[in-house]
């Protein structure tokens, strides 16, 4: 069955409103989880001395 032009645009709009924000969120999450935002050395097991953070110096 062939969809009419109006229904096709509604489907594209709904997919665009769901898929585009989902891809944007996935890209943002991947970048923030894999980007190293500080320079420093490890001190001990759980601590890291950093020279700079994203929002303020730490």
N, C-alpha and C. Protein backbone atom coordinates (compact mmCIF):
# COMPACT_ATOMS: atom_id res chain seq x y z
N UNK A 1 0.84 -1.18 0.00
CA UNK A 1 0.00 0.00 0.00
C UNK A 1 0.89 1.24 0.00
N UNK A 2 0.56 2.20 -0.78
CA UNK A 2 1.33 3.42 -0.90
C UNK A 2 0.78 4.45 0.07
N UNK A 3 1.71 5.06 0.85
CA UNK A 3 1.28 6.08 1.81
C UNK A 3 1.08 7.40 1.07
N UNK A 4 0.13 8.17 1.55
CA UNK A 4 -0.07 9.47 0.93
C UNK A 4 1.04 10.42 1.36
N UNK A 5 1.17 11.49 0.65
CA UNK A 5 2.25 12.44 0.89
C UNK A 5 2.13 13.07 2.28
N UNK A 6 0.91 13.33 2.71
CA UNK A 6 0.69 13.97 4.02
C UNK A 6 1.11 13.03 5.15
N UNK A 7 0.74 11.77 5.06
CA UNK A 7 1.10 10.79 6.09
C UNK A 7 2.60 10.57 6.11
N UNK A 8 3.22 10.55 4.94
CA UNK A 8 4.67 10.36 4.86
C UNK A 8 5.40 11.50 5.58
N UNK A 9 4.96 12.74 5.40
CA UNK A 9 5.60 13.88 6.07
C UNK A 9 5.40 13.83 7.58
N UNK A 10 4.24 13.34 8.02
CA UNK A 10 4.00 13.20 9.46
C UNK A 10 4.94 12.15 10.05
N UNK A 11 5.14 11.05 9.34
CA UNK A 11 6.05 10.00 9.80
C UNK A 11 7.48 10.54 9.87
N UNK A 12 7.91 11.27 8.83
CA UNK A 12 9.25 11.87 8.83
C UNK A 12 9.42 12.86 9.97
N UNK A 13 8.40 13.65 10.23
CA UNK A 13 8.46 14.63 11.31
C UNK A 13 8.59 13.95 12.67
N UNK A 14 7.79 12.93 12.90
CA UNK A 14 7.85 12.21 14.18
C UNK A 14 9.20 11.53 14.35
N UNK A 15 9.69 10.87 13.30
CA UNK A 15 10.99 10.23 13.39
C UNK A 15 12.09 11.26 13.62
N UNK A 16 11.98 12.40 12.96
CA UNK A 16 12.96 13.46 13.15
C UNK A 16 12.96 14.01 14.56
N UNK A 17 11.77 14.12 15.15
CA UNK A 17 11.68 14.65 16.51
C UNK A 17 12.16 13.64 17.55
N UNK A 18 12.22 12.38 17.20
CA UNK A 18 12.68 11.36 18.13
C UNK A 18 14.13 10.97 17.86
N UNK A 19 14.47 10.74 16.61
CA UNK A 19 15.80 10.22 16.26
C UNK A 19 16.88 11.29 16.42
N UNK A 20 16.64 12.49 15.94
CA UNK A 20 17.66 13.54 16.00
C UNK A 20 18.04 13.89 17.44
N UNK A 21 17.09 14.13 18.36
CA UNK A 21 17.50 14.39 19.74
C UNK A 21 18.18 13.18 20.40
N UNK A 22 17.75 11.97 20.05
CA UNK A 22 18.39 10.78 20.62
C UNK A 22 19.83 10.67 20.15
N UNK A 23 20.09 10.93 18.88
CA UNK A 23 21.46 10.90 18.38
C UNK A 23 22.30 12.02 18.98
N UNK A 24 21.71 13.19 19.14
CA UNK A 24 22.44 14.31 19.76
C UNK A 24 22.80 13.98 21.20
N UNK A 25 21.88 13.39 21.95
CA UNK A 25 22.16 13.01 23.33
C UNK A 25 23.23 11.93 23.40
N UNK A 26 23.17 10.96 22.50
CA UNK A 26 24.17 9.89 22.48
C UNK A 26 25.56 10.45 22.17
N UNK A 27 25.63 11.39 21.23
CA UNK A 27 26.92 12.01 20.90
C UNK A 27 27.45 12.81 22.08
N UNK A 28 26.58 13.58 22.74
CA UNK A 28 26.98 14.37 23.90
C UNK A 28 27.47 13.46 25.03
N UNK A 29 26.76 12.38 25.29
CA UNK A 29 27.16 11.45 26.35
C UNK A 29 28.50 10.80 26.03
N UNK A 30 28.70 10.38 24.78
CA UNK A 30 29.96 9.75 24.40
C UNK A 30 31.12 10.73 24.55
N UNK A 31 30.93 11.96 24.11
CA UNK A 31 32.01 12.96 24.21
C UNK A 31 32.34 13.26 25.66
N UNK A 32 31.34 13.47 26.50
CA UNK A 32 31.62 13.81 27.89
C UNK A 32 32.22 12.65 28.66
N UNK A 33 31.90 11.43 28.28
CA UNK A 33 32.47 10.28 29.00
C UNK A 33 33.86 9.90 28.52
N UNK A 34 34.22 10.28 27.30
CA UNK A 34 35.51 9.88 26.75
C UNK A 34 36.51 11.02 26.61
N UNK A 35 36.10 12.25 26.89
CA UNK A 35 36.99 13.39 26.75
C UNK A 35 37.71 13.64 28.07
N UNK A 36 39.03 13.76 28.00
CA UNK A 36 39.81 14.06 29.19
C UNK A 36 39.88 15.57 29.35
N UNK A 37 39.29 16.10 30.40
CA UNK A 37 39.18 17.54 30.58
C UNK A 37 40.19 18.10 31.58
N UNK A 38 41.13 17.29 32.03
CA UNK A 38 42.12 17.79 32.97
C UNK A 38 43.46 17.13 32.71
N UNK A 39 44.49 17.80 33.20
CA UNK A 39 45.85 17.28 33.11
C UNK A 39 46.33 17.08 34.53
N UNK A 40 46.90 15.93 34.82
CA UNK A 40 47.37 15.71 36.18
C UNK A 40 48.04 14.37 36.31
N UNK A 41 48.39 14.06 37.54
CA UNK A 41 49.04 12.79 37.84
C UNK A 41 48.23 12.05 38.88
N UNK A 42 48.30 10.74 38.80
CA UNK A 42 47.62 9.91 39.79
C UNK A 42 48.39 9.94 41.10
N UNK A 43 47.65 10.05 42.20
CA UNK A 43 48.25 10.04 43.52
C UNK A 43 47.48 9.02 44.36
N UNK A 44 48.02 7.85 44.51
CA UNK A 44 47.31 6.81 45.26
C UNK A 44 46.40 6.02 44.34
N UNK A 45 45.42 5.38 44.93
CA UNK A 45 44.55 4.50 44.15
C UNK A 45 43.34 5.26 43.60
N UNK A 46 42.68 6.06 44.43
CA UNK A 46 41.43 6.68 44.02
C UNK A 46 41.52 8.17 43.78
N UNK A 47 42.65 8.78 44.00
CA UNK A 47 42.76 10.22 43.89
C UNK A 47 43.53 10.61 42.64
N UNK A 48 43.19 11.75 42.12
CA UNK A 48 43.92 12.32 40.99
C UNK A 48 44.06 13.81 41.24
N UNK A 49 45.27 14.31 41.17
CA UNK A 49 45.50 15.73 41.34
C UNK A 49 45.40 16.37 39.96
N UNK A 50 44.45 17.26 39.81
CA UNK A 50 44.19 17.86 38.50
C UNK A 50 44.57 19.33 38.52
N UNK A 51 44.93 19.85 37.34
CA UNK A 51 45.29 21.24 37.27
C UNK A 51 44.14 22.13 36.78
N UNK A 52 43.14 21.56 36.11
CA UNK A 52 42.08 22.37 35.60
C UNK A 52 40.84 21.52 35.33
N UNK A 53 39.68 22.09 35.60
CA UNK A 53 38.41 21.41 35.32
C UNK A 53 37.63 22.17 34.26
N UNK A 54 36.39 21.75 33.99
CA UNK A 54 35.56 22.41 32.98
C UNK A 54 35.01 23.73 33.48
N UNK A 55 34.51 23.72 34.71
CA UNK A 55 33.81 24.90 35.20
C UNK A 55 34.74 25.79 36.02
N UNK A 56 35.49 25.20 36.92
CA UNK A 56 36.38 25.99 37.77
C UNK A 56 37.68 25.23 37.97
N UNK A 57 38.71 25.94 38.43
CA UNK A 57 39.97 25.28 38.69
C UNK A 57 39.83 24.40 39.92
N UNK A 58 40.44 23.24 39.88
CA UNK A 58 40.32 22.32 41.01
C UNK A 58 41.70 21.99 41.55
